[in-house]
Amino acid sequence: MIGWYVHHHGWGHVARLLAVRPHLADPVTVFSSMPRPASLDDRTTWVQLPSDADPVVDADGVERPAHELGDVTAGGALHWAPVGHPGHRQRLAIIADWIARTDVAAFVVDVSAEVTAFVRLLGVPTVVFAQPGDRTDAPHRLAYDLADRIVAPWAAGTIPAPGLVPHEERVRRVGGISRHAGRSRPTGTAPSGERRVLFLSRTLDDERLRTVIDLLVADGWRVETAGTREDDRVDDVWPLLSRASVVVSAAGQNGVADLAAAGARAVVVVQERPFAEQEHTGRTLRSRGLAQVAGHDAAPEHLVELVRSALASTPDWGAWQVDGAAARAAAVIEEARA
């Protein structure tokens, strides 16, 4: 049995699981605060954990935010461990109880320094997914020190990762992981000569998105969106990616891997994230000529110019190594088996 922790922030960690899961022969039990994805097969058990970030009502009946519950970082040693939070205690107890009753071959953590340390203390081999950015702080060092294997979901020689340097013998750079890798383009793509732009996920606030769309439509572009708001989610974005002349996306690892799988001409809008994660990815994309890159506060007129520039570009996404990346990540998990 393989355990797998999926962080609840965004959809990217779930997407990575969905890409790697078909390449694992063993049953997998997933632990996450996220709801179970409908596309998981019967060989995968999903355990939905209680939240560790909800407000807590104290003995005096006062509601207190989780970040006010003592020193949530334990003096900087951890990222998140709220003192006396029932959800935090319950989620770790659920994982511990499952490990105590199960013959666990390996446990994948994507991502949490605390879960990595906890699972390793319970005597289970751990596989940690790394992320770009300035991750040399104490909690990241702890997670990397304890991990049996570290999966870097980017290709060797692309994104610098100083935090991984001391652990190179356990790091495996597998390439960008996308569920769409190897898929053929559907028939009925955009007519020849049509300029079509796809806005993928929530990269801009509503007002700027409306302004950019209005400017592009006035310039003769056909505009499509996917995931830019709650009622805009698309189960399978591949047909939209395949027919887009230009894709506007954030610089998250899954989004960029999807761009690479589609060979897309792209504008990547770097989002503000902890540890400057997307800034590091954006710099790599710009330096390699893979995408037009904009800051999170880019003006609508500038974004329109970047879309026009992207249309004239010829990115070579081969360096991102998306083909076979999910299978290579699964092979790393097999390496770590007890």
C-alpha atoms as a PDB file:
ATOM      1  CA  MET A   1       0.000   0.000   0.000  1.00  0.00           C
ATOM      2  CA  ILE A   2       1.162   3.526  -0.801  1.00  0.00           C
ATOM      3  CA  GLY A   3       0.022   6.553   1.190  1.00  0.00           C
ATOM      4  CA  TRP A   4      -0.224   9.982  -0.414  1.00  0.00           C
ATOM      5  CA  TYR A   5      -0.807  13.372   1.194  1.00  0.00           C
ATOM      6  CA  VAL A   6      -2.314  16.039  -1.094  1.00  0.00           C
ATOM      7  CA  HIS A   7      -2.147  19.667   0.021  1.00  0.00           C
ATOM      8  CA  HIS A   8      -5.417  21.555  -0.221  1.00  0.00           C
ATOM      9  CA  HIS A   9      -4.150  24.833  -1.733  1.00  0.00           C
ATOM     10  CA  GLY A  10      -5.184  25.107  -5.374  1.00  0.00           C
ATOM     11  CA  TRP A  11      -5.836  22.217  -7.739  1.00  0.00           C
ATOM     12  CA  GLY A  12      -2.255  21.521  -8.804  1.00  0.00           C
ATOM     13  CA  HIS A  13      -1.407  18.916  -6.166  1.00  0.00           C
ATOM     14  CA  VAL A  14      -4.522  16.913  -7.050  1.00  0.00           C
ATOM     15  CA  ALA A  15      -3.689  17.192 -10.765  1.00  0.00           C
ATOM     16  CA  ARG A  16      -0.219  15.805 -10.098  1.00  0.00           C
ATOM     17  CA  LEU A  17      -1.681  12.815  -8.239  1.00  0.00           C
ATOM     18  CA  LEU A  18      -4.077  12.154 -11.115  1.00  0.00           C
ATOM     19  CA  ALA A  19      -1.176  12.166 -13.572  1.00  0.00           C
ATOM     20  CA  VAL A  20       1.086   9.813 -11.592  1.00  0.00           C
ATOM     21  CA  ARG A  21      -1.535   7.435 -10.164  1.00  0.00           C
ATOM     22  CA  PRO A  22      -2.097   5.351 -13.356  1.00  0.00           C
ATOM     23  CA  HIS A  23       1.604   4.421 -13.343  1.00  0.00           C
ATOM     24  CA  LEU A  24       1.501   2.847  -9.860  1.00  0.00           C
ATOM     25  CA  ALA A  25       0.491  -0.797  -9.612  1.00  0.00           C
ATOM     26  CA  ASP A  26      -0.135  -0.805  -5.849  1.00  0.00           C
ATOM     27  CA  PRO A  27      -3.303   0.395  -4.117  1.00  0.00           C
ATOM     28  CA  VAL A  28      -3.037   4.017  -2.971  1.00  0.00           C
ATOM     29  CA  THR A  29      -4.710   5.747  -0.028  1.00  0.00           C
ATOM     30  CA  VAL A  30      -4.870   9.522  -0.314  1.00  0.00           C
ATOM     31  CA  PHE A  31      -5.196  11.928   2.603  1.00  0.00           C
ATOM     32  CA  SER A  32      -6.372  15.472   1.901  1.00  0.00           C
ATOM     33  CA  SER A  33      -8.741  18.216   2.973  1.00  0.00           C
ATOM     34  CA  MET A  34      -9.810  18.368  -0.683  1.00  0.00           C
ATOM     35  CA  PRO A  35     -12.880  16.423  -1.868  1.00  0.00           C
ATOM     36  CA  ARG A  36     -12.311  13.220  -3.822  1.00  0.00           C
ATOM     37  CA  PRO A  37     -11.932  13.816  -7.582  1.00  0.00           C
ATOM     38  CA  ALA A  38     -14.577  12.020  -9.616  1.00  0.00           C
ATOM     39  CA  SER A  39     -12.004  10.568 -12.016  1.00  0.00           C
ATOM     40  CA  LEU A  40     -10.150   8.402  -9.474  1.00  0.00           C
ATOM     41  CA  ASP A  41     -10.412   4.643  -9.993  1.00  0.00           C
ATOM     42  CA  ASP A  42     -11.528   1.997  -7.493  1.00  0.00           C
ATOM     43  CA  ARG A  43      -7.942   1.125  -6.551  1.00  0.00           C
ATOM     44  CA  THR A  44      -7.591   4.500  -4.849  1.00  0.00           C
ATOM     45  CA  THR A  45      -9.055   5.217  -1.421  1.00  0.00           C
ATOM     46  CA  TRP A  46      -9.645   8.874  -0.567  1.00  0.00           C
ATOM     47  CA  VAL A  47      -9.659   9.948   3.097  1.00  0.00           C
ATOM     48  CA  GLN A  48     -10.921  13.502   3.518  1.00  0.00           C
ATOM     49  CA  LEU A  49      -9.171  15.132   6.450  1.00  0.00           C
ATOM     50  CA  PRO A  50     -10.630  17.825   8.707  1.00  0.00           C
ATOM     51  CA  SER A  51      -9.343  21.338   8.175  1.00  0.00           C
ATOM     52  CA  ASP A  52      -6.451  22.587  10.304  1.00  0.00           C
ATOM     53  CA  ALA A  53      -7.095  26.245   9.473  1.00  0.00           C
ATOM     54  CA  ASP A  54     -10.700  26.858  10.576  1.00  0.00           C
ATOM     55  CA  PRO A  55     -11.323  29.272  13.462  1.00  0.00           C
ATOM     56  CA  VAL A  56     -11.649  27.651  16.887  1.00  0.00           C
ATOM     57  CA  VAL A  57     -14.097  28.578  19.646  1.00  0.00           C
ATOM     58  CA  ASP A  58     -12.231  28.723  22.968  1.00  0.00           C
ATOM     59  CA  ALA A  59     -13.529  27.937  26.475  1.00  0.00           C
ATOM     60  CA  ASP A  60     -14.935  31.462  26.801  1.00  0.00           C
ATOM     61  CA  GLY A  61     -16.964  31.100  23.612  1.00  0.00           C
ATOM     62  CA  VAL A  62     -14.671  33.426  21.657  1.00  0.00           C
ATOM     63  CA  GLU A  63     -13.877  32.487  18.069  1.00  0.00           C
ATOM     64  CA  ARG A  64     -10.171  32.672  17.408  1.00  0.00           C
ATOM     65  CA  PRO A  65      -8.417  32.392  14.026  1.00  0.00           C
ATOM     66  CA  ALA A  66      -6.102  29.401  13.709  1.00  0.00           C
ATOM     67  CA  HIS A  67      -3.028  31.589  13.239  1.00  0.00           C
ATOM     68  CA  GLU A  68      -3.575  33.037  16.719  1.00  0.00           C
ATOM     69  CA  LEU A  69      -3.390  29.634  18.413  1.00  0.00           C
ATOM     70  CA  GLY A  70       0.047  29.854  19.991  1.00  0.00           C
ATOM     71  CA  ASP A  71       3.249  29.812  17.968  1.00  0.00           C
ATOM     72  CA  VAL A  72       2.053  28.045  14.827  1.00  0.00           C
ATOM     73  CA  THR A  73       5.629  27.685  13.524  1.00  0.00           C
ATOM     74  CA  ALA A  74       7.133  26.166  16.706  1.00  0.00           C
ATOM     75  CA  GLY A  75       9.841  28.798  16.791  1.00  0.00           C
ATOM     76  CA  GLY A  76      10.375  28.687  13.038  1.00  0.00           C
ATOM     77  CA  ALA A  77      10.990  24.929  12.912  1.00  0.00           C
ATOM     78  CA  LEU A  78       7.676  24.247  11.129  1.00  0.00           C
ATOM     79  CA  HIS A  79       5.365  26.024   8.707  1.00  0.00           C
ATOM     80  CA  TRP A  80       2.021  25.259  10.338  1.00  0.00           C
ATOM     81  CA  ALA A  81       1.232  23.575  13.658  1.00  0.00           C
ATOM     82  CA  PRO A  82      -1.518  25.561  15.447  1.00  0.00           C
ATOM     83  CA  VAL A  83      -1.565  24.871  19.181  1.00  0.00           C
ATOM     84  CA  GLY A  84      -4.679  23.108  20.455  1.00  0.00           C
ATOM     85  CA  HIS A  85      -6.453  23.065  17.090  1.00  0.00           C
ATOM     86  CA  PRO A  86      -8.771  20.009  17.045  1.00  0.00           C
ATOM     87  CA  GLY A  87      -8.680  19.670  13.258  1.00  0.00           C
ATOM     88  CA  HIS A  88      -4.883  19.673  13.236  1.00  0.00           C
ATOM     89  CA  ARG A  89      -4.769  16.969  15.901  1.00  0.00           C
ATOM     90  CA  GLN A  90      -7.437  14.852  14.215  1.00  0.00           C
ATOM     91  CA  ARG A  91      -5.829  14.881  10.767  1.00  0.00           C
ATOM     92  CA  LEU A  92      -2.492  13.667  12.121  1.00  0.00           C
ATOM     93  CA  ALA A  93      -4.247  11.074  14.297  1.00  0.00           C
ATOM     94  CA  ILE A  94      -6.108   9.754  11.236  1.00  0.00           C
ATOM     95  CA  ILE A  95      -2.841   9.330   9.329  1.00  0.00           C
ATOM     96  CA  ALA A  96      -1.131   7.691  12.323  1.00  0.00           C
ATOM     97  CA  ASP A  97      -4.007   5.257  12.867  1.00  0.00           C
ATOM     98  CA  TRP A  98      -3.951   4.224   9.192  1.00  0.00           C
ATOM     99  CA  ILE A  99      -0.181   3.657   9.252  1.00  0.00           C
ATOM    100  CA  ALA A 100      -0.473   1.600  12.447  1.00  0.00           C
ATOM    101  CA  ARG A 101      -3.014  -0.716  10.754  1.00  0.00           C
ATOM    102  CA  THR A 102      -1.464  -0.880   7.282  1.00  0.00           C
ATOM    103  CA  ASP A 103       1.607  -2.383   5.661  1.00  0.00           C
ATOM    104  CA  VAL A 104       2.783   0.892   4.075  1.00  0.00           C
ATOM    105  CA  ALA A 105       5.503   0.561   1.448  1.00  0.00           C
ATOM    106  CA  ALA A 106       5.998   4.311   0.970  1.00  0.00           C
ATOM    107  CA  PHE A 107       4.273   7.579   1.707  1.00  0.00           C
ATOM    108  CA  VAL A 108       4.220  10.453  -0.799  1.00  0.00           C
ATOM    109  CA  VAL A 109       3.932  14.009   0.559  1.00  0.00           C
ATOM    110  CA  ASP A 110       2.798  16.776  -1.809  1.00  0.00           C
ATOM    111  CA  VAL A 111       3.423  18.992   0.124  1.00  0.00           C
ATOM    112  CA  SER A 112       3.895  19.481   3.873  1.00  0.00           C
ATOM    113  CA  ALA A 113       7.022  19.618   6.010  1.00  0.00           C
ATOM    114  CA  GLU A 114       4.948  18.620   9.030  1.00  0.00           C
ATOM    115  CA  VAL A 115       3.401  15.522   7.420  1.00  0.00           C
ATOM    116  CA  THR A 116       6.825  14.509   6.083  1.00  0.00           C
ATOM    117  CA  ALA A 117       8.364  14.646   9.561  1.00  0.00           C
ATOM    118  CA  PHE A 118       5.366  12.943  11.168  1.00  0.00           C
ATOM    119  CA  VAL A 119       5.256  10.037   8.712  1.00  0.00           C
ATOM    120  CA  ARG A 120       9.005   9.484   8.858  1.00  0.00           C
ATOM    121  CA  LEU A 121       8.876   9.422  12.662  1.00  0.00           C
ATOM    122  CA  LEU A 122       6.330   6.626  12.299  1.00  0.00           C
ATOM    123  CA  GLY A 123       8.963   4.643  10.404  1.00  0.00           C
ATOM    124  CA  VAL A 124       7.627   4.924   6.854  1.00  0.00           C
ATOM    125  CA  PRO A 125       9.806   5.726   3.801  1.00  0.00           C
ATOM    126  CA  THR A 126       8.842   9.130   2.439  1.00  0.00           C
ATOM    127  CA  VAL A 127       8.828  10.665  -1.027  1.00  0.00           C
ATOM    128  CA  VAL A 128       8.580  14.452  -1.075  1.00  0.00           C
ATOM    129  CA  PHE A 129       7.604  16.613  -4.032  1.00  0.00           C
ATOM    130  CA  ALA A 130       9.794  19.697  -4.283  1.00  0.00           C
ATOM    131  CA  GLN A 131       8.654  23.082  -5.563  1.00  0.00           C
ATOM    132  CA  PRO A 132      10.613  25.970  -7.066  1.00  0.00           C
ATOM    133  CA  GLY A 133      11.522  29.032  -5.055  1.00  0.00           C
ATOM    134  CA  ASP A 134      13.606  30.134  -2.110  1.00  0.00           C
ATOM    135  CA  ARG A 135      13.136  26.989  -0.034  1.00  0.00           C
ATOM    136  CA  THR A 136      16.169  27.045   2.214  1.00  0.00           C
ATOM    137  CA  ASP A 137      14.214  27.811   5.410  1.00  0.00           C
ATOM    138  CA  ALA A 138      14.294  25.445   8.384  1.00  0.00           C
ATOM    139  CA  PRO A 139      11.002  23.578   7.687  1.00  0.00           C
ATOM    140  CA  HIS A 140      11.981  22.841   4.086  1.00  0.00           C
ATOM    141  CA  ARG A 141      15.451  21.754   5.181  1.00  0.00           C
ATOM    142  CA  LEU A 142      13.840  19.412   7.702  1.00  0.00           C
ATOM    143  CA  ALA A 143      11.551  17.844   5.079  1.00  0.00           C
ATOM    144  CA  TYR A 144      14.378  17.394   2.590  1.00  0.00           C
ATOM    145  CA  ASP A 145      16.688  15.978   5.277  1.00  0.00           C
ATOM    146  CA  LEU A 146      14.109  13.350   6.197  1.00  0.00           C
ATOM    147  CA  ALA A 147      12.913  12.371   2.720  1.00  0.00           C
ATOM    148  CA  ASP A 148      14.106   9.096   1.224  1.00  0.00           C
ATOM    149  CA  ARG A 149      13.514  10.519  -2.263  1.00  0.00           C
ATOM    150  CA  ILE A 150      12.775  14.030  -3.517  1.00  0.00           C
ATOM    151  CA  VAL A 151      10.841  14.426  -6.766  1.00  0.00           C
ATOM    152  CA  ALA A 152      11.534  17.687  -8.584  1.00  0.00           C
ATOM    153  CA  PRO A 153       8.772  18.051 -11.211  1.00  0.00           C
ATOM    154  CA  TRP A 154      10.923  19.906 -13.715  1.00  0.00           C
ATOM    155  CA  ALA A 155      13.715  18.926 -16.075  1.00  0.00           C
ATOM    156  CA  ALA A 156      17.380  18.948 -15.114  1.00  0.00           C
ATOM    157  CA  GLY A 157      19.085  22.189 -16.009  1.00  0.00           C
ATOM    158  CA  THR A 158      15.923  24.279 -16.069  1.00  0.00           C
ATOM    159  CA  ILE A 159      14.787  25.685 -12.691  1.00  0.00           C
ATOM    160  CA  PRO A 160      17.564  26.403 -10.154  1.00  0.00           C
ATOM    161  CA  ALA A 161      16.798  25.012  -6.689  1.00  0.00           C
ATOM    162  CA  PRO A 162      19.462  25.951  -4.105  1.00  0.00           C
ATOM    163  CA  GLY A 163      17.478  24.195  -1.372  1.00  0.00           C
ATOM    164  CA  LEU A 164      18.018  20.848  -3.077  1.00  0.00           C
ATOM    165  CA  VAL A 165      21.784  21.139  -3.500  1.00  0.00           C
ATOM    166  CA  PRO A 166      22.697  19.398  -0.200  1.00  0.00           C
ATOM    167  CA  HIS A 167      20.431  16.458  -1.104  1.00  0.00           C
ATOM    168  CA  GLU A 168      21.374  15.811  -4.728  1.00  0.00           C
ATOM    169  CA  GLU A 169      21.903  12.085  -4.236  1.00  0.00           C
ATOM    170  CA  ARG A 170      18.192  11.723  -3.362  1.00  0.00           C
ATOM    171  CA  VAL A 171      16.773  14.247  -5.869  1.00  0.00           C
ATOM    172  CA  ARG A 172      15.156  13.007  -9.071  1.00  0.00           C
ATOM    173  CA  ARG A 173      14.315  15.664 -11.675  1.00  0.00           C
ATOM    174  CA  VAL A 174      11.602  13.943 -13.697  1.00  0.00           C
ATOM    175  CA  GLY A 175      10.359  16.742 -15.990  1.00  0.00           C
ATOM    176  CA  GLY A 176       7.091  18.649 -15.965  1.00  0.00           C
ATOM    177  CA  ILE A 177       4.170  16.424 -14.935  1.00  0.00           C
ATOM    178  CA  SER A 178       0.988  16.896 -16.959  1.00  0.00           C
ATOM    179  CA  ARG A 179      -2.088  14.700 -17.286  1.00  0.00           C
ATOM    180  CA  HIS A 180      -2.182  15.723 -20.949  1.00  0.00           C
ATOM    181  CA  ALA A 181       1.262  14.429 -21.885  1.00  0.00           C
ATOM    182  CA  GLY A 182       1.113  12.238 -24.967  1.00  0.00           C
ATOM    183  CA  ARG A 183      -2.494  13.089 -25.861  1.00  0.00           C
ATOM    184  CA  SER A 184      -3.270  13.627 -29.525  1.00  0.00           C
ATOM    185  CA  ARG A 185      -4.936  16.824 -30.646  1.00  0.00           C
ATOM    186  CA  PRO A 186      -8.690  16.433 -31.142  1.00  0.00           C
ATOM    187  CA  THR A 187     -10.225  17.019 -34.531  1.00  0.00           C
ATOM    188  CA  GLY A 188     -12.059  20.264 -35.173  1.00  0.00           C
ATOM    189  CA  THR A 189      -9.353  22.603 -33.891  1.00  0.00           C
ATOM    190  CA  ALA A 190      -9.406  26.307 -34.727  1.00  0.00           C
ATOM    191  CA  PRO A 191      -9.764  27.236 -38.415  1.00  0.00           C
ATOM    192  CA  SER A 192      -6.578  28.279 -40.170  1.00  0.00           C
ATOM    193  CA  GLY A 193      -5.789  31.928 -39.586  1.00  0.00           C
ATOM    194  CA  GLU A 194      -8.154  32.351 -36.633  1.00  0.00           C
ATOM    195  CA  ARG A 195      -6.629  34.114 -33.625  1.00  0.00           C
ATOM    196  CA  ARG A 196      -7.935  32.437 -30.489  1.00  0.00           C
ATOM    197  CA  VAL A 197      -6.693  33.097 -26.961  1.00  0.00           C
ATOM    198  CA  LEU A 198      -7.433  30.929 -23.923  1.00  0.00           C
ATOM    199  CA  PHE A 199      -7.291  32.329 -20.380  1.00  0.00           C
ATOM    200  CA  LEU A 200      -6.425  29.337 -18.219  1.00  0.00           C
ATOM    201  CA  SER A 201      -7.260  29.452 -14.495  1.00  0.00           C
ATOM    202  CA  ARG A 202      -7.464  32.549 -12.330  1.00  0.00           C
ATOM    203  CA  THR A 203      -4.439  34.572 -13.386  1.00  0.00           C
ATOM    204  CA  LEU A 204      -6.059  38.036 -13.312  1.00  0.00           C
ATOM    205  CA  ASP A 205      -8.611  39.751 -11.095  1.00  0.00           C
ATOM    206  CA  ASP A 206     -12.085  40.115 -12.593  1.00  0.00           C
ATOM    207  CA  GLU A 207     -11.763  43.759 -13.591  1.00  0.00           C
ATOM    208  CA  ARG A 208      -8.444  43.372 -15.405  1.00  0.00           C
ATOM    209  CA  LEU A 209      -9.606  40.162 -17.068  1.00  0.00           C
ATOM    210  CA  ARG A 210     -12.695  41.907 -18.457  1.00  0.00           C
ATOM    211  CA  THR A 211     -10.555  44.791 -19.707  1.00  0.00           C
ATOM    212  CA  VAL A 212      -8.019  42.511 -21.415  1.00  0.00           C
ATOM    213  CA  ILE A 213     -10.796  40.468 -23.022  1.00  0.00           C
ATOM    214  CA  ASP A 214     -12.522  43.610 -24.315  1.00  0.00           C
ATOM    215  CA  LEU A 215      -9.251  44.848 -25.822  1.00  0.00           C
ATOM    216  CA  LEU A 216      -8.540  41.516 -27.486  1.00  0.00           C
ATOM    217  CA  VAL A 217     -12.048  41.179 -28.886  1.00  0.00           C
ATOM    218  CA  ALA A 218     -11.782  44.702 -30.292  1.00  0.00           C
ATOM    219  CA  ASP A 219      -8.513  43.597 -31.923  1.00  0.00           C
ATOM    220  CA  GLY A 220     -10.189  40.650 -33.637  1.00  0.00           C
ATOM    221  CA  TRP A 221      -9.332  37.821 -31.231  1.00  0.00           C
ATOM    222  CA  ARG A 222     -11.724  35.077 -30.222  1.00  0.00           C
ATOM    223  CA  VAL A 223     -11.508  34.588 -26.448  1.00  0.00           C
ATOM    224  CA  GLU A 224     -12.158  31.472 -24.358  1.00  0.00           C
ATOM    225  CA  THR A 225     -11.765  30.956 -20.613  1.00  0.00           C
ATOM    226  CA  ALA A 226     -11.386  27.949 -18.321  1.00  0.00           C
ATOM    227  CA  GLY A 227     -11.206  28.105 -14.533  1.00  0.00           C
ATOM    228  CA  THR A 228     -11.115  31.901 -14.339  1.00  0.00           C
ATOM    229  CA  ARG A 229     -14.032  31.842 -11.877  1.00  0.00           C
ATOM    230  CA  GLU A 230     -16.026  29.285  -9.877  1.00  0.00           C
ATOM    231  CA  ASP A 231     -18.651  28.665 -12.575  1.00  0.00           C
ATOM    232  CA  ASP A 232     -16.023  28.465 -15.315  1.00  0.00           C
ATOM    233  CA  ARG A 233     -14.339  25.158 -14.457  1.00  0.00           C
ATOM    234  CA  VAL A 234     -13.808  22.742 -17.345  1.00  0.00           C
ATOM    235  CA  ASP A 235     -13.459  18.999 -16.687  1.00  0.00           C
ATOM    236  CA  ASP A 236     -11.172  18.445 -19.675  1.00  0.00           C
ATOM    237  CA  VAL A 237      -9.292  21.528 -20.832  1.00  0.00           C
ATOM    238  CA  TRP A 238      -7.281  19.676 -23.488  1.00  0.00           C
ATOM    239  CA  PRO A 239      -9.535  20.569 -26.459  1.00  0.00           C
ATOM    240  CA  LEU A 240      -9.331  24.246 -25.478  1.00  0.00           C
ATOM    241  CA  LEU A 241      -5.554  24.072 -25.105  1.00  0.00           C
ATOM    242  CA  SER A 242      -5.225  22.300 -28.433  1.00  0.00           C
ATOM    243  CA  ARG A 243      -7.110  24.881 -30.472  1.00  0.00           C
ATOM    244  CA  ALA A 244      -5.797  28.039 -28.783  1.00  0.00           C
ATOM    245  CA  SER A 245      -3.425  30.235 -30.769  1.00  0.00           C
ATOM    246  CA  VAL A 246      -2.131  31.678 -27.469  1.00  0.00           C
ATOM    247  CA  VAL A 247      -2.712  30.569 -23.867  1.00  0.00           C
ATOM    248  CA  VAL A 248      -2.565  32.948 -20.883  1.00  0.00           C
ATOM    249  CA  SER A 249      -1.667  31.014 -17.742  1.00  0.00           C
ATOM    250  CA  ALA A 250      -0.102  31.381 -14.318  1.00  0.00           C
ATOM    251  CA  ALA A 251       3.432  30.099 -13.650  1.00  0.00           C
ATOM    252  CA  GLY A 252       2.409  27.173 -11.458  1.00  0.00           C
ATOM    253  CA  GLN A 253       4.128  23.869 -12.132  1.00  0.00           C
ATOM    254  CA  ASN A 254       1.051  22.045 -13.415  1.00  0.00           C
ATOM    255  CA  GLY A 255      -0.091  24.914 -15.585  1.00  0.00           C
ATOM    256  CA  VAL A 256       3.325  25.232 -17.204  1.00  0.00           C
ATOM    257  CA  ALA A 257       3.530  21.467 -17.739  1.00  0.00           C
ATOM    258  CA  ASP A 258       0.154  21.608 -19.494  1.00  0.00           C
ATOM    259  CA  LEU A 259       1.473  24.388 -21.742  1.00  0.00           C
ATOM    260  CA  ALA A 260       4.456  22.201 -22.571  1.00  0.00           C
ATOM    261  CA  ALA A 261       2.250  19.181 -23.308  1.00  0.00           C
ATOM    262  CA  ALA A 262       0.257  21.287 -25.758  1.00  0.00           C
ATOM    263  CA  GLY A 263       3.334  22.978 -27.251  1.00  0.00           C
ATOM    264  CA  ALA A 264       1.493  26.216 -26.590  1.00  0.00           C
ATOM    265  CA  ARG A 265       2.444  29.751 -27.460  1.00  0.00           C
ATOM    266  CA  ALA A 266       1.942  31.343 -24.098  1.00  0.00           C
ATOM    267  CA  VAL A 267       1.799  34.402 -21.903  1.00  0.00           C
ATOM    268  CA  VAL A 268       2.643  33.431 -18.336  1.00  0.00           C
ATOM    269  CA  VAL A 269       1.481  35.793 -15.603  1.00  0.00           C
ATOM    270  CA  VAL A 270       3.593  35.297 -12.489  1.00  0.00           C
ATOM    271  CA  GLN A 271       1.462  35.136  -9.336  1.00  0.00           C
ATOM    272  CA  GLU A 272       2.540  36.185  -5.852  1.00  0.00           C
ATOM    273  CA  ARG A 273       3.210  32.943  -3.996  1.00  0.00           C
ATOM    274  CA  PRO A 274       5.179  31.964  -0.878  1.00  0.00           C
ATOM    275  CA  PHE A 275       8.923  31.528  -1.390  1.00  0.00           C
ATOM    276  CA  ALA A 276       8.755  33.349  -4.770  1.00  0.00           C
ATOM    277  CA  GLU A 277       7.826  30.042  -6.420  1.00  0.00           C
ATOM    278  CA  GLN A 278       6.363  31.435  -9.614  1.00  0.00           C
ATOM    279  CA  GLU A 279       9.007  34.149  -9.978  1.00  0.00           C
ATOM    280  CA  HIS A 280      11.689  31.455 -10.243  1.00  0.00           C
ATOM    281  CA  THR A 281       9.681  29.563 -12.856  1.00  0.00           C
ATOM    282  CA  GLY A 282       8.911  32.757 -14.771  1.00  0.00           C
ATOM    283  CA  ARG A 283      12.581  33.686 -14.986  1.00  0.00           C
ATOM    284  CA  THR A 284      13.397  30.276 -16.449  1.00  0.00           C
ATOM    285  CA  LEU A 285      10.610  30.509 -19.023  1.00  0.00           C
ATOM    286  CA  ARG A 286      11.725  33.984 -20.082  1.00  0.00           C
ATOM    287  CA  SER A 287      15.423  33.100 -20.313  1.00  0.00           C
ATOM    288  CA  ARG A 288      14.677  30.039 -22.463  1.00  0.00           C
ATOM    289  CA  GLY A 289      12.243  31.850 -24.732  1.00  0.00           C
ATOM    290  CA  LEU A 290       9.418  29.485 -23.853  1.00  0.00           C
ATOM    291  CA  ALA A 291       6.820  32.120 -22.990  1.00  0.00           C
ATOM    292  CA  GLN A 292       6.126  35.822 -22.743  1.00  0.00           C
ATOM    293  CA  VAL A 293       6.269  36.562 -19.013  1.00  0.00           C
ATOM    294  CA  ALA A 294       4.397  39.276 -17.110  1.00  0.00           C
ATOM    295  CA  GLY A 295       4.251  40.331 -13.479  1.00  0.00           C
ATOM    296  CA  HIS A 296       1.107  39.807 -11.429  1.00  0.00           C
ATOM    297  CA  ASP A 297       0.271  43.526 -11.673  1.00  0.00           C
ATOM    298  CA  ALA A 298       0.804  43.896 -15.426  1.00  0.00           C
ATOM    299  CA  ALA A 299      -1.442  46.468 -17.103  1.00  0.00           C
ATOM    300  CA  PRO A 300      -4.139  45.170 -19.491  1.00  0.00           C
ATOM    301  CA  GLU A 301      -2.575  46.993 -22.455  1.00  0.00           C
ATOM    302  CA  HIS A 302       0.781  45.327 -21.751  1.00  0.00           C
ATOM    303  CA  LEU A 303      -0.842  41.903 -21.574  1.00  0.00           C
ATOM    304  CA  VAL A 304      -2.475  42.456 -24.957  1.00  0.00           C
ATOM    305  CA  GLU A 305       0.936  43.304 -26.429  1.00  0.00           C
ATOM    306  CA  LEU A 306       2.379  40.125 -24.929  1.00  0.00           C
ATOM    307  CA  VAL A 307      -0.420  38.056 -26.455  1.00  0.00           C
ATOM    308  CA  ARG A 308       0.451  39.515 -29.862  1.00  0.00           C
ATOM    309  CA  SER A 309       4.137  38.765 -29.281  1.00  0.00           C
ATOM    310  CA  ALA A 310       3.366  35.213 -28.195  1.00  0.00           C
ATOM    311  CA  LEU A 311       1.483  34.583 -31.433  1.00  0.00           C
ATOM    312  CA  ALA A 312       4.689  35.241 -33.365  1.00  0.00           C
ATOM    313  CA  SER A 313       6.833  33.014 -31.126  1.00  0.00           C
ATOM    314  CA  THR A 314       8.039  29.455 -31.767  1.00  0.00           C
ATOM    315  CA  PRO A 315       8.711  27.925 -28.330  1.00  0.00           C
ATOM    316  CA  ASP A 316      10.538  24.614 -28.115  1.00  0.00           C
ATOM    317  CA  TRP A 317       8.961  22.927 -25.107  1.00  0.00           C
ATOM    318  CA  GLY A 318      10.999  19.743 -25.519  1.00  0.00           C
ATOM    319  CA  ALA A 319      13.384  20.888 -22.785  1.00  0.00           C
ATOM    320  CA  TRP A 320      10.508  20.688 -20.256  1.00  0.00           C
ATOM    321  CA  GLN A 321      10.447  16.891 -20.709  1.00  0.00           C
ATOM    322  CA  VAL A 322       6.753  16.294 -20.095  1.00  0.00           C
ATOM    323  CA  ASP A 323       6.669  13.055 -22.091  1.00  0.00           C
ATOM    324  CA  GLY A 324       7.129  10.218 -19.607  1.00  0.00           C
ATOM    325  CA  ALA A 325       7.445  12.539 -16.584  1.00  0.00           C
ATOM    326  CA  ALA A 326       4.523  11.005 -14.667  1.00  0.00           C
ATOM    327  CA  ALA A 327       5.923   7.504 -15.204  1.00  0.00           C
ATOM    328  CA  ARG A 328       9.350   8.654 -14.049  1.00  0.00           C
ATOM    329  CA  ALA A 329       7.791  10.102 -10.881  1.00  0.00           C
ATOM    330  CA  ALA A 330       6.072   6.764 -10.226  1.00  0.00           C
ATOM    331  CA  ALA A 331       9.413   5.003 -10.653  1.00  0.00           C
ATOM    332  CA  VAL A 332      10.923   7.253  -7.966  1.00  0.00           C
ATOM    333  CA  ILE A 333       8.144   6.204  -5.579  1.00  0.00           C
ATOM    334  CA  GLU A 334       8.985   2.578  -6.346  1.00  0.00           C
ATOM    335  CA  GLU A 335      12.645   3.320  -5.502  1.00  0.00           C
ATOM    336  CA  ALA A 336      11.675   4.405  -2.010  1.00  0.00           C
ATOM    337  CA  ARG A 337       9.584   1.345  -1.138  1.00  0.00           C
ATOM    338  CA  ALA A 338      10.346  -0.348   2.169  1.00  0.00           C
END
